[in-house]
Amino acid sequence: MSIAQERVDELNLLLQFNMNSLQEGIKVHTSAETSVINAAQRLFDKGLLTQVDGGYLTDLGMEAAEMADKLLRIIADT
């Protein structure tokens, strides 16, 4: 099984959030790459982000971002 580029884009966006602060969100500007804008929309639709253009992580989004961060650290260290 391989990871579709759309999922990679979503993971990359989740990894942009500061995991040390729930008070810090992100803003995906209209000038961002289309793939980033679309990833933000999909994450919002899935209930992981509070706004279509980023905003803050929801509880589910925080859990997903934490898992993504852990996985990246595991595979980067090996």
N, C-alpha and C. Protein backbone atom coordinates (compact mmCIF):
# COMPACT_ATOMS: atom_id res chain seq x y z
N MET A 1 0.84 -1.18 0.00
CA MET A 1 0.00 0.00 0.00
C MET A 1 0.89 1.24 0.00
N SER A 2 0.54 2.20 -0.81
CA SER A 2 1.28 3.45 -0.82
C SER A 2 0.36 4.58 -0.35
N ILE A 3 0.96 5.68 -0.02
CA ILE A 3 0.21 6.83 0.48
C ILE A 3 -0.08 7.77 -0.68
N ALA A 4 -1.36 8.09 -0.89
CA ALA A 4 -1.75 9.01 -1.95
C ALA A 4 -1.21 10.40 -1.63
N GLN A 5 -0.90 11.15 -2.66
CA GLN A 5 -0.34 12.49 -2.48
C GLN A 5 -1.27 13.38 -1.65
N GLU A 6 -2.57 13.20 -1.79
CA GLU A 6 -3.51 14.01 -0.99
C GLU A 6 -3.31 13.77 0.51
N ARG A 7 -3.07 12.52 0.90
CA ARG A 7 -2.84 12.22 2.32
C ARG A 7 -1.51 12.80 2.78
N VAL A 8 -0.50 12.76 1.92
CA VAL A 8 0.80 13.35 2.25
C VAL A 8 0.63 14.85 2.47
N ASP A 9 -0.14 15.49 1.60
CA ASP A 9 -0.39 16.93 1.75
C ASP A 9 -1.09 17.23 3.07
N GLU A 10 -2.05 16.40 3.44
CA GLU A 10 -2.76 16.58 4.71
C GLU A 10 -1.83 16.39 5.90
N LEU A 11 -1.01 15.36 5.84
CA LEU A 11 -0.05 15.12 6.93
C LEU A 11 0.93 16.29 7.04
N ASN A 12 1.43 16.77 5.91
CA ASN A 12 2.36 17.90 5.94
C ASN A 12 1.71 19.13 6.56
N LEU A 13 0.45 19.35 6.28
CA LEU A 13 -0.24 20.49 6.88
C LEU A 13 -0.43 20.30 8.38
N LEU A 14 -0.81 19.10 8.79
CA LEU A 14 -0.94 18.82 10.23
C LEU A 14 0.37 19.05 10.96
N LEU A 15 1.47 18.71 10.32
CA LEU A 15 2.78 18.85 10.95
C LEU A 15 3.23 20.31 11.06
N GLN A 16 2.51 21.23 10.43
CA GLN A 16 2.84 22.65 10.53
C GLN A 16 2.37 23.27 11.85
N PHE A 17 1.47 22.58 12.55
CA PHE A 17 0.94 23.12 13.79
C PHE A 17 1.95 22.94 14.92
N ASN A 18 1.99 23.92 15.81
CA ASN A 18 2.86 23.87 16.98
C ASN A 18 2.19 22.97 18.01
N MET A 19 2.78 21.82 18.24
CA MET A 19 2.19 20.84 19.15
C MET A 19 2.34 21.25 20.62
N ASN A 20 3.11 22.28 20.89
CA ASN A 20 3.31 22.73 22.26
C ASN A 20 2.31 23.79 22.70
N SER A 21 1.47 24.25 21.78
CA SER A 21 0.53 25.31 22.13
C SER A 21 -0.79 25.14 21.39
N LEU A 22 -1.85 24.93 22.13
CA LEU A 22 -3.18 24.83 21.54
C LEU A 22 -3.69 26.20 21.11
N GLN A 23 -3.04 27.25 21.58
CA GLN A 23 -3.46 28.62 21.28
C GLN A 23 -2.87 29.15 19.98
N GLU A 24 -2.06 28.34 19.32
CA GLU A 24 -1.40 28.78 18.09
C GLU A 24 -1.98 28.02 16.90
N GLY A 25 -2.59 28.76 16.00
CA GLY A 25 -3.16 28.16 14.80
C GLY A 25 -2.33 28.50 13.58
N ILE A 26 -2.87 28.17 12.42
CA ILE A 26 -2.22 28.53 11.17
C ILE A 26 -3.25 29.13 10.22
N LYS A 27 -2.77 29.86 9.25
CA LYS A 27 -3.61 30.48 8.22
C LYS A 27 -3.08 30.05 6.87
N VAL A 28 -3.92 29.40 6.08
CA VAL A 28 -3.54 29.04 4.71
C VAL A 28 -4.07 30.16 3.81
N HIS A 29 -3.17 30.91 3.26
CA HIS A 29 -3.54 32.06 2.44
C HIS A 29 -4.01 31.62 1.05
N THR A 30 -4.78 32.47 0.42
CA THR A 30 -5.29 32.17 -0.92
C THR A 30 -4.16 32.08 -1.94
N SER A 31 -2.99 32.61 -1.59
CA SER A 31 -1.85 32.54 -2.50
C SER A 31 -1.02 31.26 -2.30
N ALA A 32 -1.43 30.42 -1.35
CA ALA A 32 -0.71 29.16 -1.11
C ALA A 32 -0.91 28.22 -2.30
N GLU A 33 -0.08 27.21 -2.34
CA GLU A 33 -0.22 26.21 -3.40
C GLU A 33 -1.60 25.57 -3.31
N THR A 34 -2.15 25.24 -4.46
CA THR A 34 -3.48 24.64 -4.52
C THR A 34 -3.56 23.37 -3.67
N SER A 35 -2.50 22.59 -3.66
CA SER A 35 -2.50 21.35 -2.89
C SER A 35 -2.64 21.63 -1.40
N VAL A 36 -2.07 22.72 -0.91
CA VAL A 36 -2.17 23.08 0.50
C VAL A 36 -3.58 23.58 0.82
N ILE A 37 -4.12 24.40 -0.05
CA ILE A 37 -5.48 24.90 0.13
C ILE A 37 -6.47 23.73 0.17
N ASN A 38 -6.30 22.81 -0.77
CA ASN A 38 -7.19 21.66 -0.83
C ASN A 38 -7.03 20.75 0.39
N ALA A 39 -5.81 20.60 0.87
CA ALA A 39 -5.57 19.79 2.07
C ALA A 39 -6.27 20.40 3.27
N ALA A 40 -6.20 21.71 3.40
CA ALA A 40 -6.88 22.39 4.51
C ALA A 40 -8.39 22.18 4.43
N GLN A 41 -8.93 22.26 3.25
CA GLN A 41 -10.37 22.04 3.06
C GLN A 41 -10.74 20.61 3.47
N ARG A 42 -9.96 19.63 3.04
CA ARG A 42 -10.26 18.24 3.39
C ARG A 42 -10.16 18.00 4.89
N LEU A 43 -9.12 18.57 5.53
CA LEU A 43 -8.96 18.41 6.97
C LEU A 43 -10.11 19.08 7.72
N PHE A 44 -10.57 20.21 7.24
CA PHE A 44 -11.73 20.87 7.82
C PHE A 44 -12.97 19.99 7.66
N ASP A 45 -13.17 19.46 6.47
CA ASP A 45 -14.32 18.60 6.20
C ASP A 45 -14.32 17.34 7.07
N LYS A 46 -13.13 16.87 7.43
CA LYS A 46 -12.99 15.68 8.27
C LYS A 46 -13.10 16.01 9.76
N GLY A 47 -13.20 17.30 10.08
CA GLY A 47 -13.33 17.71 11.46
C GLY A 47 -12.03 17.85 12.22
N LEU A 48 -10.92 17.98 11.51
CA LEU A 48 -9.62 18.11 12.15
C LEU A 48 -9.19 19.55 12.35
N LEU A 49 -9.75 20.47 11.56
CA LEU A 49 -9.44 21.89 11.66
C LEU A 49 -10.72 22.67 11.94
N THR A 50 -10.56 23.82 12.60
CA THR A 50 -11.72 24.63 12.95
C THR A 50 -12.17 25.55 11.82
N GLN A 51 -11.29 25.81 10.85
CA GLN A 51 -11.61 26.71 9.75
C GLN A 51 -11.18 26.09 8.43
N VAL A 52 -11.85 26.46 7.36
CA VAL A 52 -11.51 25.96 6.03
C VAL A 52 -10.08 26.33 5.65
N ASP A 53 -9.62 27.49 6.14
CA ASP A 53 -8.27 27.95 5.79
C ASP A 53 -7.28 27.73 6.93
N GLY A 54 -7.52 26.74 7.75
CA GLY A 54 -6.59 26.40 8.83
C GLY A 54 -7.22 26.58 10.18
N GLY A 55 -6.97 27.72 10.79
CA GLY A 55 -7.50 27.95 12.13
C GLY A 55 -6.72 27.15 13.16
N TYR A 56 -7.47 26.45 13.99
CA TYR A 56 -6.87 25.66 15.07
C TYR A 56 -7.21 24.19 14.86
N LEU A 57 -6.45 23.35 15.53
CA LEU A 57 -6.76 21.93 15.52
C LEU A 57 -7.94 21.66 16.45
N THR A 58 -8.83 20.79 16.02
CA THR A 58 -9.88 20.30 16.90
C THR A 58 -9.25 19.24 17.80
N ASP A 59 -10.01 18.68 18.70
CA ASP A 59 -9.47 17.59 19.54
C ASP A 59 -9.00 16.43 18.66
N LEU A 60 -9.82 16.08 17.66
CA LEU A 60 -9.42 15.00 16.75
C LEU A 60 -8.20 15.41 15.94
N GLY A 61 -8.15 16.66 15.54
CA GLY A 61 -7.00 17.16 14.80
C GLY A 61 -5.72 17.11 15.61
N MET A 62 -5.83 17.46 16.89
CA MET A 62 -4.66 17.40 17.78
C MET A 62 -4.17 15.96 17.91
N GLU A 63 -5.09 15.04 18.05
CA GLU A 63 -4.72 13.62 18.15
C GLU A 63 -4.02 13.17 16.87
N ALA A 64 -4.58 13.55 15.73
CA ALA A 64 -3.98 13.17 14.44
C ALA A 64 -2.60 13.79 14.26
N ALA A 65 -2.46 15.06 14.63
CA ALA A 65 -1.17 15.74 14.49
C ALA A 65 -0.13 15.11 15.41
N GLU A 66 -0.53 14.74 16.61
CA GLU A 66 0.40 14.09 17.53
C GLU A 66 0.87 12.75 16.96
N MET A 67 -0.06 11.99 16.39
CA MET A 67 0.29 10.69 15.79
C MET A 67 1.22 10.89 14.59
N ALA A 68 0.92 11.87 13.77
CA ALA A 68 1.76 12.16 12.60
C ALA A 68 3.17 12.53 13.05
N ASP A 69 3.26 13.36 14.08
CA ASP A 69 4.56 13.78 14.60
C ASP A 69 5.34 12.58 15.14
N LYS A 70 4.67 11.72 15.87
CA LYS A 70 5.34 10.52 16.41
C LYS A 70 5.83 9.62 15.29
N LEU A 71 4.99 9.39 14.30
CA LEU A 71 5.38 8.53 13.19
C LEU A 71 6.57 9.12 12.44
N LEU A 72 6.54 10.41 12.19
CA LEU A 72 7.66 11.05 11.49
C LEU A 72 8.95 10.90 12.28
N ARG A 73 8.88 11.10 13.61
CA ARG A 73 10.09 10.94 14.42
C ARG A 73 10.60 9.50 14.41
N ILE A 74 9.69 8.53 14.42
CA ILE A 74 10.09 7.12 14.40
C ILE A 74 10.81 6.78 13.11
N ILE A 75 10.21 7.15 11.99
CA ILE A 75 10.81 6.75 10.71
C ILE A 75 12.03 7.61 10.35
N ALA A 76 12.11 8.81 10.90
CA ALA A 76 13.26 9.67 10.62
C ALA A 76 14.49 9.21 11.39
N ASP A 77 14.28 8.56 12.54
CA ASP A 77 15.38 8.12 13.37
C ASP A 77 15.97 6.78 12.96
N THR A 78 15.34 6.10 12.02
CA THR A 78 15.84 4.78 11.64
C THR A 78 16.50 4.79 10.30
